[in-house]
Amino acid sequence: MILFYKILLKIQSVYEQMLNKANVEICKYKGMKVGKNLNTPDKVYFGTEPYLIEIGDNVNIAAGVRFVNHGGTTTMLRRIPGYEDARIFGRIKIGNNCTIALNCVITEHVEIGDNCILGANSVLSQSMPPNTVFVGNPAQFVCSIEDYGDIILKGNAVYPRELEKDRKALDEFIKKNQPYKFKKAKRLR
């Protein structure tokens, strides 16, 4: 029975990968500019104006990310005399070597510089300078990419790197050797 479930999950995975690739290709056809090695393993929403989006090389975009190139609030505003011509449209540009984590929203008129990380569930309504990490709603500067890298290295997962060539062996090693260390609660300011 487990073999049947594995096959079923593999079929679903291949189907979702095909849908994601089709989504990117349709957006490129509509004018979205995409560099080399875009990684979108799950559904990403490029909005109704993908031609206003530019994505650099080596970019990872996680599931549930939404690009918002226009402001729907103007629909209501246009019903008020004197505001009939109110419209919001803007470009979004993502630099090279960036990671956008789960369920982020990126609004119009925003540029993300090279080597940036946007943390999960963030709403980005301002541009990110190169080599920065932003998190939150609204997304704010947290640290430089170098500071983030130093934090990661302090808690780095230690395992023989040659295991990365054999995922099954790596999974077994991590399962047996990953320590039971958990983050402590912090007091809010």
C-alpha atoms as a PDB file:
ATOM      1  CA  MET A   1       0.000   0.000   0.000  1.00  0.00           C
ATOM      2  CA  ILE A   2       2.870   2.408   0.771  1.00  0.00           C
ATOM      3  CA  LEU A   3       4.130   1.972  -2.807  1.00  0.00           C
ATOM      4  CA  PHE A   4       0.727   3.077  -4.108  1.00  0.00           C
ATOM      5  CA  TYR A   5       0.872   6.228  -1.929  1.00  0.00           C
ATOM      6  CA  LYS A   6       4.406   7.002  -3.089  1.00  0.00           C
ATOM      7  CA  ILE A   7       3.332   6.698  -6.730  1.00  0.00           C
ATOM      8  CA  LEU A   8       0.301   8.885  -6.089  1.00  0.00           C
ATOM      9  CA  LEU A   9       2.437  11.576  -4.439  1.00  0.00           C
ATOM     10  CA  LYS A  10       4.967  11.421  -7.292  1.00  0.00           C
ATOM     11  CA  ILE A  11       2.182  11.931  -9.851  1.00  0.00           C
ATOM     12  CA  GLN A  12       0.882  14.911  -7.873  1.00  0.00           C
ATOM     13  CA  SER A  13       4.401  16.367  -7.593  1.00  0.00           C
ATOM     14  CA  VAL A  14       5.056  16.072 -11.342  1.00  0.00           C
ATOM     15  CA  TYR A  15       1.632  17.572 -12.123  1.00  0.00           C
ATOM     16  CA  GLU A  16       2.266  20.561  -9.802  1.00  0.00           C
ATOM     17  CA  GLN A  17       5.743  21.104 -11.274  1.00  0.00           C
ATOM     18  CA  MET A  18       4.212  21.195 -14.755  1.00  0.00           C
ATOM     19  CA  LEU A  19       1.577  23.728 -13.626  1.00  0.00           C
ATOM     20  CA  ASN A  20       4.236  25.932 -12.021  1.00  0.00           C
ATOM     21  CA  LYS A  21       6.373  25.833 -15.167  1.00  0.00           C
ATOM     22  CA  ALA A  22       3.311  26.643 -17.298  1.00  0.00           C
ATOM     23  CA  ASN A  23       2.497  29.580 -14.999  1.00  0.00           C
ATOM     24  CA  VAL A  24       6.006  31.020 -15.387  1.00  0.00           C
ATOM     25  CA  GLU A  25       6.031  30.441 -19.154  1.00  0.00           C
ATOM     26  CA  ILE A  26       2.646  32.166 -19.630  1.00  0.00           C
ATOM     27  CA  CYS A  27       3.862  35.125 -17.564  1.00  0.00           C
ATOM     28  CA  LYS A  28       7.048  35.300 -19.639  1.00  0.00           C
ATOM     29  CA  TYR A  29       4.902  35.220 -22.794  1.00  0.00           C
ATOM     30  CA  LYS A  30       2.950  38.188 -21.359  1.00  0.00           C
ATOM     31  CA  GLY A  31       6.222  40.097 -20.870  1.00  0.00           C
ATOM     32  CA  MET A  32       7.650  39.126 -17.479  1.00  0.00           C
ATOM     33  CA  LYS A  33      11.461  39.204 -17.610  1.00  0.00           C
ATOM     34  CA  VAL A  34      13.133  36.222 -15.956  1.00  0.00           C
ATOM     35  CA  GLY A  35      16.842  35.512 -15.553  1.00  0.00           C
ATOM     36  CA  LYS A  36      18.593  32.158 -15.295  1.00  0.00           C
ATOM     37  CA  ASN A  37      17.765  29.555 -12.646  1.00  0.00           C
ATOM     38  CA  LEU A  38      14.425  30.807 -11.336  1.00  0.00           C
ATOM     39  CA  ASN A  39      13.226  28.309  -8.727  1.00  0.00           C
ATOM     40  CA  THR A  40       9.485  28.295  -7.976  1.00  0.00           C
ATOM     41  CA  PRO A  41       8.781  24.822  -6.575  1.00  0.00           C
ATOM     42  CA  ASP A  42       5.215  25.725  -5.605  1.00  0.00           C
ATOM     43  CA  LYS A  43       2.434  28.088  -6.740  1.00  0.00           C
ATOM     44  CA  VAL A  44       3.468  31.736  -7.078  1.00  0.00           C
ATOM     45  CA  TYR A  45       0.963  34.458  -8.047  1.00  0.00           C
ATOM     46  CA  PHE A  46       2.517  36.900 -10.515  1.00  0.00           C
ATOM     47  CA  GLY A  47      -0.603  39.056 -10.646  1.00  0.00           C
ATOM     48  CA  THR A  48      -2.548  40.466 -13.563  1.00  0.00           C
ATOM     49  CA  GLU A  49       0.345  42.521 -14.956  1.00  0.00           C
ATOM     50  CA  PRO A  50       3.321  40.132 -15.138  1.00  0.00           C
ATOM     51  CA  TYR A  51       4.855  42.406 -17.797  1.00  0.00           C
ATOM     52  CA  LEU A  52       5.661  44.808 -14.932  1.00  0.00           C
ATOM     53  CA  ILE A  53       7.853  42.192 -13.174  1.00  0.00           C
ATOM     54  CA  GLU A  54      11.579  41.641 -13.664  1.00  0.00           C
ATOM     55  CA  ILE A  55      13.385  38.777 -11.919  1.00  0.00           C
ATOM     56  CA  GLY A  56      17.167  38.340 -11.918  1.00  0.00           C
ATOM     57  CA  ASP A  57      19.354  35.232 -11.959  1.00  0.00           C
ATOM     58  CA  ASN A  58      19.389  32.536  -9.254  1.00  0.00           C
ATOM     59  CA  VAL A  59      16.182  33.578  -7.515  1.00  0.00           C
ATOM     60  CA  ASN A  60      14.171  31.295  -5.212  1.00  0.00           C
ATOM     61  CA  ILE A  61      10.501  32.122  -4.675  1.00  0.00           C
ATOM     62  CA  ALA A  62       8.573  29.943  -2.204  1.00  0.00           C
ATOM     63  CA  ALA A  63       4.929  28.911  -2.205  1.00  0.00           C
ATOM     64  CA  GLY A  64       2.158  31.455  -1.822  1.00  0.00           C
ATOM     65  CA  VAL A  65       4.179  34.537  -2.804  1.00  0.00           C
ATOM     66  CA  ARG A  66       2.038  37.245  -4.418  1.00  0.00           C
ATOM     67  CA  PHE A  67       3.186  40.044  -6.696  1.00  0.00           C
ATOM     68  CA  VAL A  68       0.805  43.018  -6.609  1.00  0.00           C
ATOM     69  CA  ASN A  69       1.478  45.447  -9.468  1.00  0.00           C
ATOM     70  CA  HIS A  70      -1.668  47.500  -9.083  1.00  0.00           C
ATOM     71  CA  GLY A  71      -3.899  48.929  -6.399  1.00  0.00           C
ATOM     72  CA  GLY A  72      -7.453  47.632  -6.336  1.00  0.00           C
ATOM     73  CA  THR A  73      -8.409  50.332  -3.831  1.00  0.00           C
ATOM     74  CA  THR A  74      -8.841  52.792  -6.666  1.00  0.00           C
ATOM     75  CA  THR A  75     -12.023  51.008  -7.812  1.00  0.00           C
ATOM     76  CA  MET A  76     -13.886  52.488  -4.864  1.00  0.00           C
ATOM     77  CA  LEU A  77     -12.046  55.797  -5.093  1.00  0.00           C
ATOM     78  CA  ARG A  78     -13.056  56.278  -8.744  1.00  0.00           C
ATOM     79  CA  ARG A  79     -16.729  56.402  -7.689  1.00  0.00           C
ATOM     80  CA  ILE A  80     -16.092  59.638  -5.787  1.00  0.00           C
ATOM     81  CA  PRO A  81     -16.361  62.832  -7.865  1.00  0.00           C
ATOM     82  CA  GLY A  82     -12.943  64.268  -8.665  1.00  0.00           C
ATOM     83  CA  TYR A  83     -11.146  60.898  -8.415  1.00  0.00           C
ATOM     84  CA  GLU A  84     -12.492  59.196 -11.554  1.00  0.00           C
ATOM     85  CA  ASP A  85      -8.977  58.962 -13.023  1.00  0.00           C
ATOM     86  CA  ALA A  86      -7.279  57.466  -9.917  1.00  0.00           C
ATOM     87  CA  ARG A  87      -5.114  54.473 -10.865  1.00  0.00           C
ATOM     88  CA  ILE A  88      -2.151  52.646  -9.283  1.00  0.00           C
ATOM     89  CA  PHE A  89       0.283  50.616 -11.384  1.00  0.00           C
ATOM     90  CA  GLY A  90       3.944  49.971 -10.665  1.00  0.00           C
ATOM     91  CA  ARG A  91       6.885  47.760 -11.493  1.00  0.00           C
ATOM     92  CA  ILE A  92       8.523  45.144  -9.285  1.00  0.00           C
ATOM     93  CA  LYS A  93      12.169  44.226  -9.773  1.00  0.00           C
ATOM     94  CA  ILE A  94      14.050  41.424  -8.029  1.00  0.00           C
ATOM     95  CA  GLY A  95      17.841  41.335  -8.261  1.00  0.00           C
ATOM     96  CA  ASN A  96      20.176  38.372  -8.562  1.00  0.00           C
ATOM     97  CA  ASN A  97      20.677  35.691  -5.914  1.00  0.00           C
ATOM     98  CA  CYS A  98      17.560  36.453  -3.847  1.00  0.00           C
ATOM     99  CA  THR A  99      15.245  34.332  -1.741  1.00  0.00           C
ATOM    100  CA  ILE A 100      11.608  35.205  -1.104  1.00  0.00           C
ATOM    101  CA  ALA A 101      10.153  32.968   1.604  1.00  0.00           C
ATOM    102  CA  LEU A 102       6.642  31.514   2.024  1.00  0.00           C
ATOM    103  CA  ASN A 103       3.515  33.634   1.613  1.00  0.00           C
ATOM    104  CA  CYS A 104       5.137  37.034   1.044  1.00  0.00           C
ATOM    105  CA  VAL A 105       3.361  39.910  -0.666  1.00  0.00           C
ATOM    106  CA  ILE A 106       5.416  42.295  -2.799  1.00  0.00           C
ATOM    107  CA  THR A 107       3.653  45.499  -3.764  1.00  0.00           C
ATOM    108  CA  GLU A 108       4.102  47.883  -6.686  1.00  0.00           C
ATOM    109  CA  HIS A 109       7.056  50.295  -7.059  1.00  0.00           C
ATOM    110  CA  VAL A 110       9.401  47.957  -5.142  1.00  0.00           C
ATOM    111  CA  GLU A 111      12.925  46.865  -6.037  1.00  0.00           C
ATOM    112  CA  ILE A 112      14.778  44.090  -4.223  1.00  0.00           C
ATOM    113  CA  GLY A 113      18.545  44.404  -4.613  1.00  0.00           C
ATOM    114  CA  ASP A 114      21.017  41.591  -5.210  1.00  0.00           C
ATOM    115  CA  ASN A 115      21.682  39.020  -2.458  1.00  0.00           C
ATOM    116  CA  CYS A 116      18.533  39.699  -0.426  1.00  0.00           C
ATOM    117  CA  ILE A 117      16.246  37.572   1.726  1.00  0.00           C
ATOM    118  CA  LEU A 118      12.602  38.436   2.389  1.00  0.00           C
ATOM    119  CA  GLY A 119      11.349  36.447   5.396  1.00  0.00           C
ATOM    120  CA  ALA A 120       8.182  34.343   5.476  1.00  0.00           C
ATOM    121  CA  ASN A 121       4.782  36.085   5.604  1.00  0.00           C
ATOM    122  CA  SER A 122       6.315  39.510   4.966  1.00  0.00           C
ATOM    123  CA  VAL A 123       4.538  42.348   3.165  1.00  0.00           C
ATOM    124  CA  LEU A 124       7.114  44.368   1.261  1.00  0.00           C
ATOM    125  CA  SER A 125       6.017  47.906   0.381  1.00  0.00           C
ATOM    126  CA  GLN A 126       9.467  49.535   0.257  1.00  0.00           C
ATOM    127  CA  SER A 127      12.598  48.706  -1.687  1.00  0.00           C
ATOM    128  CA  MET A 128      15.331  46.521  -0.213  1.00  0.00           C
ATOM    129  CA  PRO A 129      18.950  47.616  -0.660  1.00  0.00           C
ATOM    130  CA  PRO A 130      21.400  44.934  -1.831  1.00  0.00           C
ATOM    131  CA  ASN A 131      22.721  42.447   0.743  1.00  0.00           C
ATOM    132  CA  THR A 132      19.890  42.847   3.255  1.00  0.00           C
ATOM    133  CA  VAL A 133      17.351  40.751   5.141  1.00  0.00           C
ATOM    134  CA  PHE A 134      13.830  42.136   5.661  1.00  0.00           C
ATOM    135  CA  VAL A 135      11.010  40.556   7.687  1.00  0.00           C
ATOM    136  CA  GLY A 136       7.525  41.447   8.897  1.00  0.00           C
ATOM    137  CA  ASN A 137       4.305  43.233   8.038  1.00  0.00           C
ATOM    138  CA  PRO A 138       5.241  45.779   6.958  1.00  0.00           C
ATOM    139  CA  ALA A 139       8.646  44.310   6.093  1.00  0.00           C
ATOM    140  CA  GLN A 140      11.524  46.095   7.789  1.00  0.00           C
ATOM    141  CA  PHE A 141      15.312  45.812   7.727  1.00  0.00           C
ATOM    142  CA  VAL A 142      16.556  43.154  10.169  1.00  0.00           C
ATOM    143  CA  CYS A 143      20.247  42.732   9.345  1.00  0.00           C
ATOM    144  CA  SER A 144      22.806  42.536   6.575  1.00  0.00           C
ATOM    145  CA  ILE A 145      23.172  39.318   4.617  1.00  0.00           C
ATOM    146  CA  GLU A 146      26.605  38.843   6.221  1.00  0.00           C
ATOM    147  CA  ASP A 147      25.148  39.122   9.742  1.00  0.00           C
ATOM    148  CA  TYR A 148      22.453  36.620   8.787  1.00  0.00           C
ATOM    149  CA  GLY A 149      25.090  34.263   7.388  1.00  0.00           C
ATOM    150  CA  ASP A 150      27.053  34.491  10.663  1.00  0.00           C
ATOM    151  CA  ILE A 151      23.888  33.628  12.640  1.00  0.00           C
ATOM    152  CA  ILE A 152      23.253  30.617  10.400  1.00  0.00           C
ATOM    153  CA  LEU A 153      26.854  29.400  10.745  1.00  0.00           C
ATOM    154  CA  LYS A 154      26.586  29.496  14.572  1.00  0.00           C
ATOM    155  CA  GLY A 155      23.656  27.058  14.491  1.00  0.00           C
ATOM    156  CA  ASN A 156      24.833  25.201  11.414  1.00  0.00           C
ATOM    157  CA  ALA A 157      23.654  21.628  10.860  1.00  0.00           C
ATOM    158  CA  VAL A 158      26.748  19.459  11.145  1.00  0.00           C
ATOM    159  CA  TYR A 159      26.909  16.353   8.966  1.00  0.00           C
ATOM    160  CA  PRO A 160      29.363  14.859   6.463  1.00  0.00           C
ATOM    161  CA  ARG A 161      28.846  16.967   3.341  1.00  0.00           C
ATOM    162  CA  GLU A 162      29.414  13.978   1.044  1.00  0.00           C
ATOM    163  CA  LEU A 163      26.004  12.718   2.226  1.00  0.00           C
ATOM    164  CA  GLU A 164      24.396  15.504   0.171  1.00  0.00           C
ATOM    165  CA  LYS A 165      24.925  13.279  -2.888  1.00  0.00           C
ATOM    166  CA  ASP A 166      22.669  10.581  -1.364  1.00  0.00           C
ATOM    167  CA  ARG A 167      19.427  12.067  -0.011  1.00  0.00           C
ATOM    168  CA  LYS A 168      18.304   8.842   1.650  1.00  0.00           C
ATOM    169  CA  ALA A 169      21.593   8.511   3.561  1.00  0.00           C
ATOM    170  CA  LEU A 170      21.472  12.202   4.500  1.00  0.00           C
ATOM    171  CA  ASP A 171      17.917  11.864   5.829  1.00  0.00           C
ATOM    172  CA  GLU A 172      18.935   8.859   7.951  1.00  0.00           C
ATOM    173  CA  PHE A 173      21.974  10.677   9.356  1.00  0.00           C
ATOM    174  CA  ILE A 174      19.953  13.791  10.242  1.00  0.00           C
ATOM    175  CA  LYS A 175      17.139  11.730  11.790  1.00  0.00           C
ATOM    176  CA  LYS A 176      19.614   9.921  14.077  1.00  0.00           C
ATOM    177  CA  ASN A 177      21.985  12.798  14.872  1.00  0.00           C
ATOM    178  CA  GLN A 178      20.029  16.061  14.879  1.00  0.00           C
ATOM    179  CA  PRO A 179      20.137  17.352  18.481  1.00  0.00           C
ATOM    180  CA  TYR A 180      16.983  18.260  20.376  1.00  0.00           C
ATOM    181  CA  LYS A 181      17.687  21.981  20.624  1.00  0.00           C
ATOM    182  CA  PHE A 182      14.757  24.387  20.619  1.00  0.00           C
ATOM    183  CA  LYS A 183      14.571  28.175  20.654  1.00  0.00           C
ATOM    184  CA  LYS A 184      13.693  29.800  23.946  1.00  0.00           C
ATOM    185  CA  ALA A 185      10.777  32.186  24.320  1.00  0.00           C
ATOM    186  CA  LYS A 186      11.682  35.866  24.186  1.00  0.00           C
ATOM    187  CA  ARG A 187      10.044  38.708  26.034  1.00  0.00           C
ATOM    188  CA  LEU A 188       8.537  41.402  23.858  1.00  0.00           C
ATOM    189  CA  ARG A 189       9.873  44.907  24.417  1.00  0.00           C
END
